[in-house]
C-alpha atoms as a PDB file:
ATOM      1  CA  MET A   1      12.036 -20.081   2.894  1.00  0.00           C
ATOM      2  CA  GLY A   2      10.870 -22.605   0.344  1.00  0.00           C
ATOM      3  CA  TYR A   3       7.435 -22.940   1.943  1.00  0.00           C
ATOM      4  CA  GLY A   4       7.039 -19.165   2.201  1.00  0.00           C
ATOM      5  CA  ALA A   5       8.032 -18.741  -1.435  1.00  0.00           C
ATOM      6  CA  ARG A   6       5.443 -21.309  -2.440  1.00  0.00           C
ATOM      7  CA  LEU A   7       2.701 -19.563  -0.461  1.00  0.00           C
ATOM      8  CA  SER A   8       3.543 -16.210  -2.030  1.00  0.00           C
ATOM      9  CA  ASP A   9       3.826 -17.650  -5.563  1.00  0.00           C
ATOM     10  CA  GLY A  10       7.465 -16.608  -5.849  1.00  0.00           C
ATOM     11  CA  CYS A  11      10.525 -15.518  -3.977  1.00  0.00           C
ATOM     12  CA  ASN A  12       9.537 -13.077  -1.260  1.00  0.00           C
ATOM     13  CA  ILE A  13      13.119 -11.851  -0.713  1.00  0.00           C
ATOM     14  CA  GLY A  14      13.351 -10.761  -4.343  1.00  0.00           C
ATOM     15  CA  ALA A  15       9.975  -9.039  -4.076  1.00  0.00           C
ATOM     16  CA  TYR A  16      11.275  -7.113  -1.054  1.00  0.00           C
ATOM     17  CA  PHE A  17      14.375  -5.793  -2.833  1.00  0.00           C
ATOM     18  CA  SER A  18      12.498  -4.972  -6.040  1.00  0.00           C
ATOM     19  CA  ALA A  19       9.702  -3.213  -4.186  1.00  0.00           C
ATOM     20  CA  LEU A  20      12.067  -1.063  -2.122  1.00  0.00           C
ATOM     21  CA  ALA A  21      14.102  -0.149  -5.188  1.00  0.00           C
ATOM     22  CA  SER A  22      10.972   1.000  -7.012  1.00  0.00           C
ATOM     23  CA  GLY A  23       9.554   2.801  -3.966  1.00  0.00           C
ATOM     24  CA  SER A  24       6.530   0.537  -3.714  1.00  0.00           C
ATOM     25  CA  LEU A  25       4.384   0.444  -0.574  1.00  0.00           C
ATOM     26  CA  SER A  26       4.558  -3.358  -0.498  1.00  0.00           C
ATOM     27  CA  GLY A  27       8.297  -3.197   0.197  1.00  0.00           C
ATOM     28  CA  TRP A  28       7.766  -1.018   3.257  1.00  0.00           C
ATOM     29  CA  VAL A  29       4.955  -3.272   4.464  1.00  0.00           C
ATOM     30  CA  TRP A  30       7.358  -6.224   4.078  1.00  0.00           C
ATOM     31  CA  VAL A  31       9.981  -4.394   6.179  1.00  0.00           C
ATOM     32  CA  ALA A  32       7.456  -3.656   8.931  1.00  0.00           C
ATOM     33  CA  ALA A  33       6.161  -7.243   8.956  1.00  0.00           C
ATOM     34  CA  ALA A  34       9.695  -8.662   9.056  1.00  0.00           C
ATOM     35  CA  PHE A  35      10.615  -6.374  11.958  1.00  0.00           C
ATOM     36  CA  VAL A  36       7.506  -7.275  13.973  1.00  0.00           C
ATOM     37  CA  GLY A  37       7.929 -10.979  13.220  1.00  0.00           C
ATOM     38  CA  SER A  38      11.563 -10.893  14.286  1.00  0.00           C
ATOM     39  CA  ALA A  39      10.707  -9.098  17.536  1.00  0.00           C
ATOM     40  CA  ILE A  40       8.008 -11.658  18.354  1.00  0.00           C
ATOM     41  CA  GLY A  41      10.347 -14.534  17.522  1.00  0.00           C
ATOM     42  CA  LEU A  42      13.097 -13.163  19.747  1.00  0.00           C
ATOM     43  CA  ARG A  43      10.718 -12.768  22.682  1.00  0.00           C
ATOM     44  CA  LEU A  44       9.375 -16.285  22.256  1.00  0.00           C
ATOM     45  CA  GLU A  45      12.905 -17.648  22.092  1.00  0.00           C
ATOM     46  CA  ALA A  46      13.908 -15.791  25.250  1.00  0.00           C
ATOM     47  CA  ARG A  47      10.950 -17.298  27.122  1.00  0.00           C
ATOM     48  CA  SER A  48      11.860 -20.837  26.112  1.00  0.00           C
ATOM     49  CA  ALA A  49      15.494 -20.529  27.251  1.00  0.00           C
END
């Protein structure tokens, strides 16, 4: 998480919660990207096991 926060110039978890609370599009894009990334990660993990 530290590397990701550095790349995004701040804490990306805080940006997610703030964006969703304010109804910003960036919060919903973050949710979609997190869901897709998690699905890809789970499939890659299943293949390696």
